[in-house]
N, C-alpha and C. Protein backbone atom coordinates (compact mmCIF):
# COMPACT_ATOMS: atom_id res chain seq x y z
N UNK A 1 0.81 -1.25 0.13
CA UNK A 1 0.04 0.04 -0.03
C UNK A 1 0.92 1.23 -0.09
N UNK A 2 2.10 1.17 0.71
CA UNK A 2 2.90 2.35 0.74
C UNK A 2 3.29 2.82 -0.54
N UNK A 3 3.54 1.90 -1.44
CA UNK A 3 4.01 2.40 -2.84
C UNK A 3 3.00 3.08 -3.56
N UNK A 4 1.72 3.05 -3.20
CA UNK A 4 0.70 3.85 -3.85
C UNK A 4 0.36 5.18 -3.27
N UNK A 5 1.25 5.54 -2.40
CA UNK A 5 1.07 6.97 -1.75
C UNK A 5 1.37 8.09 -2.85
N UNK A 6 0.53 9.09 -2.81
CA UNK A 6 0.51 10.13 -3.73
C UNK A 6 0.36 11.54 -3.10
N UNK A 7 0.78 12.54 -3.83
CA UNK A 7 0.73 13.91 -3.16
C UNK A 7 -0.66 14.61 -3.41
N UNK A 8 -1.11 15.22 -2.34
CA UNK A 8 -2.29 16.04 -2.42
C UNK A 8 -2.08 17.49 -1.99
N UNK A 9 -2.02 18.27 -3.01
CA UNK A 9 -1.65 19.72 -2.81
C UNK A 9 -2.66 20.48 -2.20
N UNK A 10 -2.41 21.35 -1.28
CA UNK A 10 -3.38 22.38 -0.86
C UNK A 10 -2.90 23.74 -0.98
N UNK A 11 -3.76 24.58 -1.64
CA UNK A 11 -3.32 25.86 -1.93
C UNK A 11 -2.89 26.75 -0.73
N UNK A 12 -2.03 27.72 -0.89
CA UNK A 12 -1.70 28.55 0.22
C UNK A 12 -2.84 29.54 0.72
N UNK A 13 -2.74 30.10 2.00
CA UNK A 13 -3.82 30.87 2.45
C UNK A 13 -4.25 31.92 1.53
N UNK A 14 -3.24 32.66 1.03
CA UNK A 14 -3.59 33.86 0.13
C UNK A 14 -2.46 33.94 -1.04
N UNK A 15 -2.98 34.36 -2.12
CA UNK A 15 -2.20 34.33 -3.33
C UNK A 15 -2.68 35.34 -4.31
N UNK A 16 -1.78 35.82 -5.16
CA UNK A 16 -2.15 36.59 -6.43
C UNK A 16 -2.59 35.54 -7.47
N UNK A 17 -3.69 35.68 -7.97
CA UNK A 17 -4.26 34.57 -8.82
C UNK A 17 -3.32 34.37 -9.99
N UNK A 18 -3.16 35.42 -10.70
CA UNK A 18 -2.21 35.35 -11.82
C UNK A 18 -0.87 34.58 -11.67
N UNK A 19 -0.08 35.11 -10.55
CA UNK A 19 1.17 34.43 -10.28
C UNK A 19 0.94 33.00 -9.83
N UNK A 20 -0.20 32.78 -9.01
CA UNK A 20 -0.34 31.50 -8.40
C UNK A 20 -0.64 30.35 -9.46
N UNK A 21 -1.37 30.93 -10.54
CA UNK A 21 -1.70 30.00 -11.58
C UNK A 21 -0.50 29.48 -12.21
N UNK A 22 0.49 30.32 -12.40
CA UNK A 22 1.81 29.95 -12.99
C UNK A 22 2.49 28.90 -12.03
N UNK A 23 2.54 29.16 -10.68
CA UNK A 23 3.13 28.49 -9.71
C UNK A 23 2.54 27.07 -9.69
N UNK A 24 1.29 26.99 -9.72
CA UNK A 24 0.50 25.90 -9.81
C UNK A 24 0.78 24.95 -10.99
N UNK A 25 0.98 25.54 -12.08
CA UNK A 25 1.24 24.76 -13.26
C UNK A 25 2.65 24.13 -13.04
N UNK A 26 3.50 24.95 -12.47
CA UNK A 26 4.82 24.45 -12.38
C UNK A 26 5.12 23.27 -11.33
N UNK A 27 4.20 23.36 -10.21
CA UNK A 27 4.09 22.32 -9.24
C UNK A 27 3.52 21.06 -9.83
N UNK A 28 2.55 21.22 -10.64
CA UNK A 28 1.93 19.94 -11.37
C UNK A 28 2.83 19.34 -12.35
N UNK A 29 3.73 20.14 -12.87
CA UNK A 29 4.78 19.67 -13.83
C UNK A 29 5.93 19.00 -13.13
N UNK A 30 6.00 19.16 -11.84
CA UNK A 30 7.26 18.64 -11.18
C UNK A 30 7.41 17.23 -10.72
N UNK A 31 6.02 16.52 -10.95
CA UNK A 31 5.97 15.23 -10.45
C UNK A 31 4.56 14.70 -10.37
N UNK A 32 4.36 13.58 -9.65
CA UNK A 32 3.04 12.95 -9.55
C UNK A 32 2.14 13.76 -8.43
N UNK A 33 1.07 14.32 -8.92
CA UNK A 33 0.18 14.88 -7.92
C UNK A 33 -1.35 14.40 -8.14
N UNK A 34 -2.02 13.91 -7.22
CA UNK A 34 -3.28 13.25 -7.37
C UNK A 34 -4.34 14.25 -7.42
N UNK A 35 -4.14 15.28 -6.47
CA UNK A 35 -5.38 16.27 -6.26
C UNK A 35 -4.77 17.60 -5.87
N UNK A 36 -5.60 18.53 -6.09
CA UNK A 36 -5.17 20.00 -5.61
C UNK A 36 -6.47 20.38 -4.88
N UNK A 37 -6.41 20.88 -3.60
CA UNK A 37 -7.61 21.32 -2.87
C UNK A 37 -7.32 22.98 -2.79
N UNK A 38 -8.33 23.56 -3.36
CA UNK A 38 -8.29 25.02 -3.22
C UNK A 38 -9.02 25.27 -1.79
N UNK A 39 -8.19 25.97 -1.00
CA UNK A 39 -8.63 26.27 0.36
C UNK A 39 -8.80 27.96 0.50
N UNK A 40 -9.93 28.37 0.21
CA UNK A 40 -10.07 29.92 0.17
C UNK A 40 -10.19 30.27 1.61
N UNK A 41 -9.52 31.54 1.85
CA UNK A 41 -9.53 32.00 3.23
C UNK A 41 -9.91 33.60 3.13
N UNK A 42 -10.90 33.85 4.01
CA UNK A 42 -11.28 35.26 3.95
C UNK A 42 -11.56 35.99 2.72
N UNK A 43 -12.21 35.23 1.86
CA UNK A 43 -12.58 35.91 0.53
C UNK A 43 -14.00 35.76 0.18
N UNK A 44 -14.64 36.46 -0.74
CA UNK A 44 -15.99 36.43 -0.99
C UNK A 44 -16.31 35.30 -2.03
N UNK A 45 -17.60 35.01 -2.24
CA UNK A 45 -18.05 34.06 -3.21
C UNK A 45 -17.47 34.33 -4.77
N UNK A 46 -17.55 35.56 -5.05
CA UNK A 46 -17.12 35.95 -6.38
C UNK A 46 -15.64 35.74 -6.60
N UNK A 47 -14.76 35.79 -5.56
CA UNK A 47 -13.35 35.59 -5.71
C UNK A 47 -13.19 34.15 -5.67
N UNK A 48 -14.07 33.41 -4.92
CA UNK A 48 -13.82 31.95 -5.04
C UNK A 48 -14.21 31.48 -6.43
N UNK A 49 -15.29 31.88 -6.95
CA UNK A 49 -15.66 31.44 -8.34
C UNK A 49 -14.53 31.80 -9.32
N UNK A 50 -13.94 33.16 -9.29
CA UNK A 50 -13.04 33.54 -10.22
C UNK A 50 -11.74 32.45 -10.03
N UNK A 51 -11.44 32.29 -8.83
CA UNK A 51 -10.20 31.28 -8.75
C UNK A 51 -10.42 30.03 -9.23
N UNK A 52 -11.56 29.39 -8.90
CA UNK A 52 -11.86 28.09 -9.55
C UNK A 52 -11.84 28.02 -11.03
N UNK A 53 -12.38 29.19 -11.71
CA UNK A 53 -12.41 29.34 -13.05
C UNK A 53 -11.10 29.39 -13.60
N UNK A 54 -10.07 29.97 -12.85
CA UNK A 54 -8.71 30.04 -13.37
C UNK A 54 -7.82 28.86 -13.03
N UNK A 55 -8.11 28.24 -11.91
CA UNK A 55 -7.20 27.17 -11.54
C UNK A 55 -7.76 25.82 -11.90
N UNK A 56 -8.90 25.52 -11.99
CA UNK A 56 -9.50 24.15 -12.27
C UNK A 56 -8.91 23.72 -13.65
N UNK A 57 -8.85 24.50 -14.73
CA UNK A 57 -8.40 23.94 -16.00
C UNK A 57 -6.89 23.58 -15.92
N UNK A 58 -6.15 24.26 -15.12
CA UNK A 58 -4.73 23.90 -14.85
C UNK A 58 -4.56 22.46 -14.27
N UNK A 59 -5.43 22.41 -13.15
CA UNK A 59 -5.24 21.09 -12.44
C UNK A 59 -5.72 19.92 -13.35
N UNK A 60 -6.91 20.13 -14.08
CA UNK A 60 -7.48 18.92 -14.90
C UNK A 60 -6.56 18.65 -15.94
N UNK A 61 -5.91 19.67 -16.57
CA UNK A 61 -5.04 19.42 -17.74
C UNK A 61 -3.83 18.54 -17.36
N UNK A 62 -3.51 18.55 -15.99
CA UNK A 62 -2.39 17.65 -15.33
C UNK A 62 -2.91 16.34 -14.97
N UNK A 63 -4.22 16.15 -15.12
CA UNK A 63 -4.70 14.80 -14.73
C UNK A 63 -4.87 14.70 -13.29
N UNK A 64 -4.94 15.74 -12.53
CA UNK A 64 -5.33 15.70 -11.08
C UNK A 64 -6.78 16.23 -10.88
N UNK A 65 -7.11 15.83 -9.73
CA UNK A 65 -8.62 16.11 -9.27
C UNK A 65 -8.59 17.56 -8.57
N UNK A 66 -9.68 18.31 -8.79
CA UNK A 66 -9.82 19.68 -8.20
C UNK A 66 -10.81 19.61 -7.16
N UNK A 67 -10.39 19.86 -5.88
CA UNK A 67 -11.29 19.71 -4.83
C UNK A 67 -11.41 21.03 -4.02
N UNK A 68 -12.51 21.55 -3.70
CA UNK A 68 -12.95 22.73 -3.03
C UNK A 68 -13.11 22.47 -1.65
N UNK A 69 -12.37 23.26 -0.72
CA UNK A 69 -12.52 23.22 0.64
C UNK A 69 -13.89 23.78 1.22
N UNK A 70 -14.53 23.09 2.03
CA UNK A 70 -15.71 23.72 2.95
C UNK A 70 -16.92 23.91 2.25
N UNK A 71 -17.01 24.12 0.87
CA UNK A 71 -18.17 24.83 0.26
C UNK A 71 -18.69 23.78 -0.76
N UNK A 72 -19.46 22.81 -0.28
CA UNK A 72 -20.16 21.88 -1.32
C UNK A 72 -21.22 22.58 -2.21
N UNK A 73 -21.78 23.82 -1.78
CA UNK A 73 -22.62 24.55 -2.62
C UNK A 73 -21.88 25.11 -3.93
N UNK A 74 -20.76 25.68 -3.58
CA UNK A 74 -20.05 26.37 -4.73
C UNK A 74 -19.25 25.09 -5.50
N UNK A 75 -18.93 24.14 -4.78
CA UNK A 75 -18.28 23.03 -5.55
C UNK A 75 -19.22 22.39 -6.67
N UNK A 76 -20.49 22.35 -6.19
CA UNK A 76 -21.57 21.76 -7.15
C UNK A 76 -21.77 22.89 -8.31
N UNK A 77 -21.96 23.99 -7.92
CA UNK A 77 -22.23 25.16 -8.94
C UNK A 77 -21.09 25.14 -9.94
N UNK A 78 -19.80 25.18 -9.54
CA UNK A 78 -18.68 25.23 -10.36
C UNK A 78 -18.11 23.87 -11.00
N UNK A 79 -18.89 22.89 -10.75
CA UNK A 79 -18.45 21.53 -11.29
C UNK A 79 -17.03 21.04 -10.84
N UNK A 80 -16.76 21.23 -9.55
CA UNK A 80 -15.55 20.74 -9.02
C UNK A 80 -15.66 19.23 -9.10
N UNK A 81 -14.38 18.56 -8.91
CA UNK A 81 -14.29 17.13 -8.70
C UNK A 81 -14.84 16.73 -7.48
N UNK A 82 -14.80 17.49 -6.36
CA UNK A 82 -15.33 17.17 -5.10
C UNK A 82 -15.02 18.19 -4.19
N UNK A 83 -15.32 17.83 -2.92
CA UNK A 83 -15.24 18.98 -1.81
C UNK A 83 -14.64 18.16 -0.69
N UNK A 84 -13.96 18.93 0.31
CA UNK A 84 -13.47 18.51 1.45
C UNK A 84 -14.11 19.25 2.61
N UNK A 85 -14.72 18.47 3.52
CA UNK A 85 -15.36 19.14 4.67
C UNK A 85 -14.89 18.74 5.92
N UNK A 86 -14.72 19.83 6.79
CA UNK A 86 -14.35 19.57 8.23
C UNK A 86 -15.53 19.21 9.19
N UNK A 87 -15.24 19.00 10.39
CA UNK A 87 -16.13 18.63 11.37
C UNK A 87 -17.28 19.78 11.61
N UNK A 88 -16.84 20.95 11.37
CA UNK A 88 -17.75 22.11 11.50
C UNK A 88 -18.41 22.68 10.27
N UNK A 89 -18.16 21.95 9.16
CA UNK A 89 -18.67 22.38 7.92
C UNK A 89 -19.99 21.60 7.72
N UNK A 90 -20.51 21.76 6.53
CA UNK A 90 -21.79 20.93 6.22
C UNK A 90 -21.63 19.45 6.49
N UNK A 91 -22.60 18.75 6.89
CA UNK A 91 -22.54 17.29 7.21
C UNK A 91 -22.34 16.59 5.76
N UNK A 92 -21.70 15.45 5.93
CA UNK A 92 -21.32 14.71 4.81
C UNK A 92 -22.57 14.44 3.85
N UNK A 93 -23.68 13.86 4.60
CA UNK A 93 -24.81 13.53 3.68
C UNK A 93 -25.45 14.80 3.05
N UNK A 94 -25.37 15.93 3.56
CA UNK A 94 -25.88 17.12 2.93
C UNK A 94 -24.92 17.49 1.68
N UNK A 95 -23.59 17.26 1.85
CA UNK A 95 -22.70 17.52 0.89
C UNK A 95 -22.94 16.49 -0.29
N UNK A 96 -23.27 15.27 -0.05
CA UNK A 96 -23.38 14.30 -1.04
C UNK A 96 -24.63 14.60 -1.79
N UNK A 97 -25.76 15.00 -1.15
CA UNK A 97 -27.00 15.38 -1.80
C UNK A 97 -26.77 16.56 -2.91
N UNK A 98 -25.76 17.58 -2.38
CA UNK A 98 -25.56 18.61 -3.41
C UNK A 98 -24.68 18.18 -4.56
N UNK A 99 -23.75 17.37 -4.22
CA UNK A 99 -22.60 16.94 -5.40
C UNK A 99 -23.04 15.79 -6.24
N UNK A 100 -23.83 15.09 -5.67
CA UNK A 100 -24.24 13.70 -6.34
C UNK A 100 -23.21 12.59 -6.15
N UNK A 101 -23.60 11.44 -6.68
CA UNK A 101 -22.87 10.15 -6.21
C UNK A 101 -21.38 10.05 -6.88
N UNK A 102 -21.05 10.76 -7.90
CA UNK A 102 -19.74 10.61 -8.51
C UNK A 102 -18.71 11.63 -7.98
N UNK A 103 -19.11 12.56 -7.25
CA UNK A 103 -18.02 13.57 -6.67
C UNK A 103 -17.33 12.93 -5.61
N UNK A 104 -15.95 13.35 -5.41
CA UNK A 104 -15.15 12.96 -4.30
C UNK A 104 -15.51 13.82 -3.10
N UNK A 105 -15.81 13.14 -1.88
CA UNK A 105 -16.05 13.95 -0.81
C UNK A 105 -15.10 13.28 0.37
N UNK A 106 -14.20 14.22 0.92
CA UNK A 106 -13.25 13.72 1.88
C UNK A 106 -13.70 14.54 3.19
N UNK A 107 -13.34 13.84 4.32
CA UNK A 107 -13.75 14.32 5.64
C UNK A 107 -12.68 14.45 6.60
N UNK A 108 -12.42 15.56 7.24
CA UNK A 108 -11.50 15.86 8.29
C UNK A 108 -11.91 14.91 9.48
N UNK A 109 -10.87 14.17 9.99
CA UNK A 109 -11.23 13.31 11.28
C UNK A 109 -10.26 13.66 12.32
N UNK A 110 -9.33 14.49 12.18
CA UNK A 110 -8.37 14.84 13.14
C UNK A 110 -7.55 13.63 13.68
N UNK A 111 -7.80 13.30 15.03
CA UNK A 111 -7.00 12.11 15.51
C UNK A 111 -8.10 11.22 16.07
N UNK A 112 -9.40 11.15 15.44
CA UNK A 112 -10.43 10.49 15.97
C UNK A 112 -10.75 9.21 15.05
N UNK A 113 -10.62 8.03 15.65
CA UNK A 113 -10.86 6.80 14.96
C UNK A 113 -12.39 6.73 14.91
N UNK A 114 -13.11 7.16 15.76
CA UNK A 114 -14.54 7.10 15.78
C UNK A 114 -15.13 7.91 14.58
N UNK A 115 -14.62 9.04 14.55
CA UNK A 115 -15.24 9.88 13.31
C UNK A 115 -14.83 9.40 12.07
N UNK A 116 -13.62 8.88 11.96
CA UNK A 116 -13.19 8.23 10.67
C UNK A 116 -14.09 7.09 10.26
N UNK A 117 -14.39 6.19 11.17
CA UNK A 117 -15.24 5.13 10.81
C UNK A 117 -16.63 5.66 10.44
N UNK A 118 -17.24 6.48 11.27
CA UNK A 118 -18.50 7.28 10.90
C UNK A 118 -18.40 7.75 9.41
N UNK A 119 -17.45 8.39 9.09
CA UNK A 119 -17.40 9.06 7.85
C UNK A 119 -17.37 7.98 6.68
N UNK A 120 -16.46 7.01 6.99
CA UNK A 120 -16.39 5.84 5.93
C UNK A 120 -17.74 5.15 5.70
N UNK A 121 -18.29 4.89 6.87
CA UNK A 121 -19.55 4.13 6.66
C UNK A 121 -20.66 4.94 6.11
N UNK A 122 -20.59 6.28 6.28
CA UNK A 122 -21.58 7.12 5.57
C UNK A 122 -21.37 7.20 4.13
N UNK A 123 -20.08 6.90 3.60
CA UNK A 123 -19.81 6.83 2.19
C UNK A 123 -18.80 7.70 1.78
N UNK A 124 -17.97 8.41 2.74
CA UNK A 124 -16.93 9.31 2.41
C UNK A 124 -15.79 8.57 1.36
N UNK A 125 -15.35 9.35 0.62
CA UNK A 125 -14.24 8.70 -0.38
C UNK A 125 -12.94 8.66 0.15
N UNK A 126 -12.53 9.52 1.15
CA UNK A 126 -11.51 9.46 2.00
C UNK A 126 -11.60 10.16 3.27
N UNK A 127 -10.61 9.79 4.18
CA UNK A 127 -10.72 10.44 5.43
C UNK A 127 -9.31 11.08 5.71
N UNK A 128 -9.42 12.09 6.48
CA UNK A 128 -8.01 12.94 6.64
C UNK A 128 -7.69 12.91 8.16
N UNK A 129 -6.39 12.44 8.37
CA UNK A 129 -5.96 12.42 9.77
C UNK A 129 -4.81 13.53 9.92
N UNK A 130 -4.88 14.22 11.07
CA UNK A 130 -3.67 15.09 11.45
C UNK A 130 -4.11 16.10 12.49
N UNK A 131 -3.16 16.97 12.81
CA UNK A 131 -1.88 17.16 12.09
C UNK A 131 -0.78 16.16 12.82
N UNK A 132 0.16 15.73 11.95
CA UNK A 132 1.09 14.93 12.34
C UNK A 132 2.47 15.61 12.87
N UNK A 133 2.56 16.85 12.31
CA UNK A 133 3.78 17.60 12.68
C UNK A 133 3.37 19.08 12.85
N UNK A 134 4.25 19.89 13.52
CA UNK A 134 3.78 21.29 13.69
C UNK A 134 3.66 21.99 12.38
N UNK A 135 2.55 22.82 12.27
CA UNK A 135 2.24 23.54 10.95
C UNK A 135 2.03 24.98 11.28
N UNK A 136 2.37 25.93 10.34
CA UNK A 136 2.03 27.23 10.38
C UNK A 136 0.90 27.64 9.48
N UNK A 137 0.55 26.63 8.50
CA UNK A 137 -0.53 27.02 7.62
C UNK A 137 -1.80 27.09 8.08
N UNK A 138 -2.18 26.25 9.18
CA UNK A 138 -3.49 26.18 9.68
C UNK A 138 -3.44 25.68 11.10
N UNK A 139 -4.00 26.43 12.07
CA UNK A 139 -3.91 25.92 13.54
C UNK A 139 -4.65 24.55 13.63
N UNK A 140 -3.89 23.57 13.86
CA UNK A 140 -4.51 22.29 14.00
C UNK A 140 -5.35 22.13 15.34
N UNK A 141 -6.47 21.36 15.11
CA UNK A 141 -7.30 21.16 16.32
C UNK A 141 -6.83 19.79 17.00
N UNK A 142 -5.94 19.14 16.45
CA UNK A 142 -5.32 17.90 17.10
C UNK A 142 -4.03 17.45 16.62
N UNK A 143 -3.14 16.77 17.45
CA UNK A 143 -2.05 16.15 16.93
C UNK A 143 -2.16 14.63 17.04
N UNK A 144 -1.56 13.93 16.12
CA UNK A 144 -1.77 12.58 16.21
C UNK A 144 -0.49 11.85 15.56
N UNK A 145 -0.37 10.59 15.59
CA UNK A 145 0.86 9.79 15.24
C UNK A 145 0.56 8.91 14.05
N UNK A 146 1.74 8.52 13.44
CA UNK A 146 1.59 7.35 12.20
C UNK A 146 0.84 6.24 12.70
N UNK A 147 0.72 5.83 13.79
CA UNK A 147 0.03 4.60 14.14
C UNK A 147 -1.49 4.50 13.67
N UNK A 148 -2.16 5.73 13.66
CA UNK A 148 -3.40 5.81 13.29
C UNK A 148 -3.67 5.49 11.76
N UNK A 149 -2.60 5.80 11.02
CA UNK A 149 -2.57 5.42 9.57
C UNK A 149 -2.48 3.88 9.36
N UNK A 150 -1.54 3.28 10.14
CA UNK A 150 -1.44 1.90 10.00
C UNK A 150 -2.69 1.14 10.48
N UNK A 151 -3.36 1.60 11.60
CA UNK A 151 -4.55 0.95 12.02
C UNK A 151 -5.64 1.12 11.02
N UNK A 152 -5.70 2.26 10.42
CA UNK A 152 -6.79 2.57 9.39
C UNK A 152 -6.56 1.66 8.04
N UNK A 153 -5.21 1.63 7.58
CA UNK A 153 -4.98 0.97 6.40
C UNK A 153 -5.06 -0.60 6.47
N UNK A 154 -5.03 -1.04 7.77
CA UNK A 154 -5.14 -2.53 8.06
C UNK A 154 -6.66 -2.90 8.17
N UNK A 155 -7.50 -1.87 8.61
CA UNK A 155 -8.93 -2.16 8.86
C UNK A 155 -9.84 -1.73 7.72
N UNK A 156 -9.48 -0.78 7.02
CA UNK A 156 -10.53 -0.09 6.13
C UNK A 156 -9.87 -0.09 4.59
N UNK A 157 -10.77 -0.06 3.67
CA UNK A 157 -10.39 0.11 2.23
C UNK A 157 -10.46 1.62 1.78
N UNK A 158 -11.27 2.41 2.45
CA UNK A 158 -11.32 3.78 2.15
C UNK A 158 -10.09 4.42 2.41
N UNK A 159 -9.51 5.26 1.25
CA UNK A 159 -8.23 5.79 1.51
C UNK A 159 -8.04 6.85 2.60
N UNK A 160 -6.87 6.93 3.13
CA UNK A 160 -6.63 8.07 4.26
C UNK A 160 -5.58 9.00 3.73
N UNK A 161 -5.78 10.26 4.06
CA UNK A 161 -4.91 11.38 3.96
C UNK A 161 -4.32 11.79 5.13
N UNK A 162 -2.92 11.95 5.04
CA UNK A 162 -2.17 12.56 6.25
C UNK A 162 -1.95 13.92 6.01
N UNK A 163 -2.18 14.91 7.09
CA UNK A 163 -1.97 16.29 6.83
C UNK A 163 -1.31 16.78 8.16
N UNK A 164 -0.66 17.94 7.87
CA UNK A 164 -0.09 18.77 8.95
C UNK A 164 1.32 18.71 9.04
N UNK A 165 2.01 19.82 8.51
CA UNK A 165 3.52 20.01 8.79
C UNK A 165 4.29 19.06 7.95
N UNK A 166 3.86 18.36 6.95
CA UNK A 166 4.50 17.27 6.29
C UNK A 166 5.54 17.99 5.18
N UNK A 167 6.74 17.30 5.37
CA UNK A 167 7.80 17.86 4.38
C UNK A 167 8.45 16.49 3.75
N UNK A 168 9.30 16.70 2.79
CA UNK A 168 9.91 15.60 2.07
C UNK A 168 10.86 14.96 3.17
N UNK A 169 11.27 15.62 4.08
CA UNK A 169 12.23 15.21 5.09
C UNK A 169 11.60 14.26 6.03
N UNK A 170 10.22 14.58 6.45
CA UNK A 170 9.73 13.89 7.65
C UNK A 170 8.59 12.97 7.19
N UNK A 171 8.30 12.78 5.86
CA UNK A 171 7.14 12.03 5.43
C UNK A 171 7.31 10.54 5.51
N UNK A 172 8.45 10.05 5.55
CA UNK A 172 8.75 8.56 5.37
C UNK A 172 7.89 7.78 6.52
N UNK A 173 7.76 8.13 7.66
CA UNK A 173 7.06 7.16 8.58
C UNK A 173 5.55 7.21 8.10
N UNK A 174 5.07 8.27 7.58
CA UNK A 174 3.63 8.35 7.28
C UNK A 174 3.50 7.45 5.96
N UNK A 175 4.35 7.45 5.10
CA UNK A 175 4.31 6.53 3.98
C UNK A 175 4.33 5.07 4.34
N UNK A 176 5.26 4.67 5.20
CA UNK A 176 5.38 3.43 5.68
C UNK A 176 4.08 3.01 6.52
N UNK A 177 3.51 3.80 7.14
CA UNK A 177 2.41 3.43 7.96
C UNK A 177 1.16 3.25 7.26
N UNK A 178 1.12 3.59 5.99
CA UNK A 178 -0.03 3.35 5.13
C UNK A 178 -0.71 4.53 4.56
N UNK A 179 -0.25 5.76 4.67
CA UNK A 179 -0.99 6.95 4.07
C UNK A 179 -1.14 6.72 2.61
N UNK A 180 -2.34 6.85 2.11
CA UNK A 180 -2.60 6.91 0.79
C UNK A 180 -2.25 8.22 0.02
N UNK A 181 -2.41 9.20 0.63
CA UNK A 181 -2.04 10.64 0.26
C UNK A 181 -1.40 11.45 1.38
N UNK A 182 -0.39 12.32 0.89
CA UNK A 182 0.09 13.29 1.73
C UNK A 182 -0.37 14.62 1.30
N UNK A 183 -1.04 15.23 2.26
CA UNK A 183 -1.61 16.74 1.95
C UNK A 183 -0.38 17.68 2.49
N UNK A 184 0.00 18.38 1.41
CA UNK A 184 1.00 19.38 1.77
C UNK A 184 0.72 20.87 1.19
N UNK A 185 1.20 21.75 1.86
CA UNK A 185 0.99 23.09 1.34
C UNK A 185 2.34 23.88 1.53
N UNK A 186 2.63 24.29 2.68
CA UNK A 186 3.85 25.18 2.92
C UNK A 186 5.13 24.56 2.39
N UNK A 187 5.36 23.29 2.54
CA UNK A 187 6.58 22.75 2.07
C UNK A 187 6.77 22.79 0.50
N UNK A 188 5.60 22.95 -0.21
CA UNK A 188 5.80 23.08 -1.68
C UNK A 188 5.87 24.55 -2.00
N UNK A 189 4.90 25.34 -1.64
CA UNK A 189 4.75 26.75 -1.98
C UNK A 189 5.87 27.63 -1.38
N UNK A 190 6.41 27.26 -0.44
CA UNK A 190 7.60 28.11 0.19
C UNK A 190 8.86 27.39 0.03
N UNK A 191 8.96 26.44 -0.83
CA UNK A 191 10.32 25.72 -1.12
C UNK A 191 11.28 26.82 -1.73
N UNK A 192 12.53 26.84 -1.21
CA UNK A 192 13.51 27.87 -1.72
C UNK A 192 13.79 27.63 -3.28
N UNK A 193 13.73 26.37 -3.77
CA UNK A 193 13.89 26.14 -5.17
C UNK A 193 12.61 26.11 -6.07
N UNK A 194 11.47 26.51 -5.38
CA UNK A 194 10.23 26.57 -6.25
C UNK A 194 9.52 25.40 -6.08
N UNK A 195 8.20 25.46 -6.46
CA UNK A 195 7.22 24.29 -6.24
C UNK A 195 7.47 23.05 -7.11
N UNK A 196 8.15 23.33 -8.35
CA UNK A 196 8.31 22.07 -9.10
C UNK A 196 9.30 21.14 -8.43
N UNK A 197 10.38 21.88 -7.87
CA UNK A 197 11.54 21.21 -7.11
C UNK A 197 10.91 20.43 -5.93
N UNK A 198 10.04 21.21 -5.22
CA UNK A 198 9.45 20.59 -4.08
C UNK A 198 8.62 19.32 -4.36
N UNK A 199 7.86 19.39 -5.39
CA UNK A 199 7.04 18.17 -5.73
C UNK A 199 8.02 17.07 -6.07
N UNK A 200 9.04 17.31 -6.90
CA UNK A 200 10.16 16.29 -7.26
C UNK A 200 10.74 15.65 -6.07
N UNK A 201 11.00 16.55 -5.08
CA UNK A 201 11.61 15.97 -3.76
C UNK A 201 10.72 15.00 -3.14
N UNK A 202 9.42 15.49 -3.01
CA UNK A 202 8.34 14.55 -2.38
C UNK A 202 8.25 13.23 -3.17
N UNK A 203 8.21 13.22 -4.47
CA UNK A 203 8.19 12.09 -5.25
C UNK A 203 9.31 11.12 -4.84
N UNK A 204 10.58 11.64 -4.80
CA UNK A 204 11.72 10.87 -4.38
C UNK A 204 11.58 10.27 -3.00
N UNK A 205 11.18 11.11 -2.04
CA UNK A 205 11.02 10.79 -0.69
C UNK A 205 9.93 9.63 -0.48
N UNK A 206 8.85 9.79 -1.24
CA UNK A 206 7.76 8.80 -1.23
C UNK A 206 8.28 7.50 -1.73
N UNK A 207 9.00 7.45 -2.84
CA UNK A 207 9.59 6.20 -3.57
C UNK A 207 10.54 5.64 -2.58
N UNK A 208 11.42 6.36 -1.91
CA UNK A 208 12.32 5.78 -1.13
C UNK A 208 11.79 5.23 0.20
N UNK A 209 10.76 5.80 0.75
CA UNK A 209 10.11 5.31 1.97
C UNK A 209 9.38 3.96 1.55
N UNK A 210 8.85 3.92 0.40
CA UNK A 210 7.93 2.82 0.01
C UNK A 210 8.93 1.60 -0.05
N UNK A 211 10.23 1.64 -0.44
CA UNK A 211 11.14 0.68 -0.58
C UNK A 211 11.83 0.29 0.75
N UNK A 212 11.76 1.20 1.74
CA UNK A 212 12.43 0.84 2.92
C UNK A 212 11.61 -0.10 3.93
């Protein structure tokens, strides 16, 4: 299972749309990326729609899925590939009704095995655990350890996403524990050599961890 681990990019908290569109294209060209989650922060709906219109074609052209954070209503309206919902967002079943049976819906489960099982039994396409490491991108509500990924991967077929402070240098235990996806943000967008180099580093780190 470890060898199937892939990268799940999350957009930075704020960006210039024109510049970021170029950076996103570079990141997607740097290696294997399964999905990109657009995580809007403190912006109005018009800005969200504008960003989706600009970024979604770039993501799809690279063969990745475009996931919107928190907003199943706008995800449905703009034909996103799916939505990611937290525990304080729209309930899973409400999101599924809005998006239909074919959309990808992921659920934040923090460090809770109970929440993850509930989400999977309801029909979620993936569950997200974390934070695994300190992160400055978003204030985590919980910290957890790789053991939860191993427990999940041995018990369930629903994919799991590891999130929170993940870098190419510290990701190996998560890959070996069974993470299907590594959700990363700052380690890619703030990489000193640029996002393409960062994605390449993650690819190599995942491959090395899978063999160890």
